[in-house]
Structures are given as structure tokens and as C-alpha cells.
Protein backbone atom coordinates (compact mmCIF):
# COMPACT_ATOMS: atom_id res chain seq x y z
CA UNK A 1 86.83 95.94 116.26
CA UNK A 2 83.64 96.35 118.30
CA UNK A 3 82.95 100.22 117.99
CA UNK A 4 82.05 102.46 114.90
CA UNK A 5 82.56 106.29 115.04
CA UNK A 6 79.44 108.49 115.84
CA UNK A 7 78.18 111.56 114.30
CA UNK A 8 80.14 113.73 116.46
CA UNK A 9 83.67 111.97 115.65
CA UNK A 10 82.35 111.92 111.76
CA UNK A 11 82.23 115.90 111.91
CA UNK A 12 85.48 116.30 113.50
CA UNK A 13 87.56 113.39 111.89
CA UNK A 14 88.94 115.41 108.65
CA UNK A 15 90.22 117.82 110.94
CA UNK A 16 91.51 115.73 113.39
CA UNK A 17 93.35 112.97 110.87
CA UNK A 18 94.42 115.39 107.72
CA UNK A 19 95.66 113.85 104.64
CA UNK A 20 99.22 113.58 104.80
CA UNK A 21 101.73 114.98 102.05
CA UNK A 22 101.79 112.59 99.33
CA UNK A 23 99.36 110.41 100.75
CA UNK A 24 96.63 110.89 98.03
CA UNK A 25 99.22 110.88 95.13
CA UNK A 26 100.48 107.21 96.61
CA UNK A 27 97.06 105.71 96.30
CA UNK A 28 96.06 107.89 93.09
CA UNK A 29 98.90 106.23 91.19
CA UNK A 30 98.14 102.30 92.28
CA UNK A 31 94.54 103.27 91.45
CA UNK A 32 95.25 104.56 87.97
CA UNK A 33 97.19 101.31 87.58
CA UNK A 34 94.22 99.18 88.60
CA UNK A 35 92.03 101.50 86.23
CA UNK A 36 94.23 100.99 83.16
CA UNK A 37 93.25 97.15 83.61
CA UNK A 38 89.70 98.19 83.84
CA UNK A 39 89.43 97.38 87.44
CA UNK A 40 88.00 99.55 90.43
CA UNK A 41 89.60 100.26 93.55
CA UNK A 42 88.13 99.10 96.92
CA UNK A 43 89.13 101.10 100.22
CA UNK A 44 88.46 99.34 103.27
CA UNK A 45 87.55 101.46 106.68
CA UNK A 46 87.05 104.57 104.27
CA UNK A 47 85.54 106.52 106.74
CA UNK A 48 84.59 109.92 105.96
CA UNK A 49 86.31 109.79 102.51
CA UNK A 50 89.42 111.48 103.31
CA UNK A 51 91.38 109.17 100.68
CA UNK A 52 88.35 107.85 98.52
CA UNK A 53 86.71 111.23 97.80
CA UNK A 54 89.92 113.00 96.18
CA UNK A 55 90.50 109.63 94.56
CA UNK A 56 87.05 110.04 92.93
CA UNK A 57 87.58 113.60 92.03
CA UNK A 58 90.36 112.40 89.89
CA UNK A 59 87.96 110.04 88.13
CA UNK A 60 88.82 106.69 89.71
CA UNK A 61 85.92 104.07 90.08
CA UNK A 62 85.70 102.88 93.56
CA UNK A 63 83.95 101.44 96.37
CA UNK A 64 84.42 102.65 99.99
CA UNK A 65 83.40 100.21 102.86
CA UNK A 66 83.20 101.21 106.29
CA UNK A 67 81.20 100.08 109.53
CA UNK A 68 80.34 103.41 110.61
CA UNK A 69 76.85 104.67 109.30
CA UNK A 70 77.91 108.16 110.35
CA UNK A 71 81.35 108.19 108.56
CA UNK A 72 79.60 106.83 105.59
CA UNK A 73 77.09 109.57 105.70
CA UNK A 74 79.94 112.24 105.57
CA UNK A 75 81.78 110.38 102.73
CA UNK A 76 78.16 110.66 100.74
CA UNK A 77 78.14 114.33 101.44
CA UNK A 78 81.54 114.76 100.51
CA UNK A 79 81.15 112.94 97.20
CA UNK A 80 77.75 114.42 96.05
CA UNK A 81 77.62 114.78 92.42
CA UNK A 82 80.88 112.64 91.87
CA UNK A 83 80.50 109.60 89.47
CA UNK A 84 81.66 106.29 90.01
CA UNK A 85 82.01 106.27 93.77
CA UNK A 86 79.67 103.89 96.05
CA UNK A 87 79.70 103.72 100.06
CA UNK A 88 78.89 100.38 101.44
CA UNK A 89 78.29 99.69 105.16
CA UNK A 90 80.35 96.56 106.34
CA UNK A 91 82.66 94.99 108.23
CA UNK A 92 86.10 94.50 106.83
CA UNK A 93 86.48 91.22 108.47
CA UNK A 94 83.34 89.59 106.71
CA UNK A 95 82.23 91.19 103.71
CA UNK A 96 81.20 89.91 100.24
CA UNK A 97 80.91 92.43 97.47
CA UNK A 98 80.73 89.70 94.82
CA UNK A 99 83.09 91.56 92.45
CA UNK A 100 86.87 91.84 92.12
CA UNK A 101 89.07 95.06 92.32
CA UNK A 102 92.36 95.98 90.89
CA UNK A 103 93.52 97.52 94.24
CA UNK A 104 92.48 97.11 97.95
CA UNK A 105 93.74 99.90 100.00
CA UNK A 106 93.56 100.34 103.77
CA UNK A 107 95.19 103.82 104.48
CA UNK A 108 95.93 105.61 107.69
CA UNK A 109 96.52 102.58 109.81
CA UNK A 110 93.09 101.51 109.92
CA UNK A 111 94.10 97.85 109.92
CA UNK A 112 95.54 98.61 113.63
CA UNK A 113 92.36 98.86 115.08
CA UNK A 114 91.99 95.04 114.45
CA UNK A 115 93.91 93.84 117.65
CA UNK A 116 93.64 90.28 117.11
CA UNK A 117 95.60 87.93 114.67
CA UNK A 118 92.36 86.44 113.84
CA UNK A 119 90.54 89.58 113.01
CA UNK A 120 93.58 90.91 111.13
CA UNK A 121 93.85 87.58 109.07
CA UNK A 122 90.18 87.90 108.36
CA UNK A 123 90.53 91.21 106.89
CA UNK A 124 93.48 90.05 104.85
CA UNK A 125 91.77 87.05 103.49
CA UNK A 126 88.59 89.17 102.82
CA UNK A 127 90.55 91.65 100.72
CA UNK A 128 92.55 88.98 98.78
CA UNK A 129 89.13 87.27 97.80
CA UNK A 130 88.22 90.48 96.37
CA UNK A 131 91.24 91.04 94.32
CA UNK A 132 91.19 90.22 90.73
CA UNK A 133 94.60 88.26 89.66
CA UNK A 134 97.57 90.36 89.68
CA UNK A 135 95.58 92.82 91.87
CA UNK A 136 97.52 94.66 94.63
CA UNK A 137 96.58 95.21 98.37
CA UNK A 138 98.35 98.59 99.88
CA UNK A 139 98.05 99.40 103.58
CA UNK A 140 99.69 101.70 106.07
CA UNK A 141 100.79 100.72 109.46
CA UNK A 142 101.83 103.14 112.08
CA UNK A 143 105.23 102.36 113.72
CA UNK A 144 105.10 104.60 116.66
CA UNK A 145 107.85 104.09 118.93
CA UNK A 146 107.19 102.64 122.37
CA UNK A 147 109.94 104.92 123.88
CA UNK A 148 107.94 108.07 122.58
CA UNK A 149 104.57 106.87 123.63
CA UNK A 150 105.75 106.19 127.26
CA UNK A 151 106.88 110.12 127.12
């Protein structure tokens, strides 16, 4: 994953990738289960905070990690005044936050830009190292039809 979104993309991202029906509710339910155990949530490839910010508005303690300074700046703007949210610049294949989470999420098919098995496994291993015992990993994969893509 050798790219990071720039300022232009960061400003347009939320309009280009709107939150889907039930998307926040799905992650909110899982995050509340982690919170019931006293554990925060970690979102990898959090981007502009399209999922993390609504979760934080609901009182979820979370950390958002992304490799794009521009996207993180947008997330910080959107979460101004919210407690319990932290934004960290980092590579989802090789990070060490030095703490455990009850839930790690990778929404909106953000795992799929990792094109090699090695990169995918590195990300999943990193996520696993950050999970508390009994913690959960939840991620979305886009299952686009090759027939539809060929158009």
C-alpha cells in the first residue's frame, strides 16, 4: 500500500464514499460490547473518520489509525470537541500502539488495497496483537462481480 490520500481526496472522500445503511449501527453494537468489558475500539484505515466519528459521538472510546495525514486532519476537524477519540498516523501493516482493544475494525473494504498476501497477513497479525483476550476483529470485503466490472 504505497499511497496515501492527499488533501483534495480528503475533502471529497465523505461525499464519494457515503456511510451505508446500517453500517455505523453494525460497528456500534460491536464497539458497545467491547466497552462493556472496559475496552476501547481500534479502527484501521480510519480515513476521514466516516465510521469512527459517529461511534465517538455515541460515546465509544476509540483510536483511529491511517497512513494519510490529510485524511487524519479531516477526521480531527470532524471530531473536534469529542472526548475519547485519538487519531494516529501509521501503516496498518506495521504498527504498535502498546495497548489492547476489545474490537478492531476495518470498514469499507479498506483491507483490499493491500494487494499481496504478505501485506494482508501483516495487517491481520498486527490487528491480532492489539486484541485483548476474547476481542473481535470485524472487517468488510467488497465482493464485486467480475462480470459486472467487465461491463
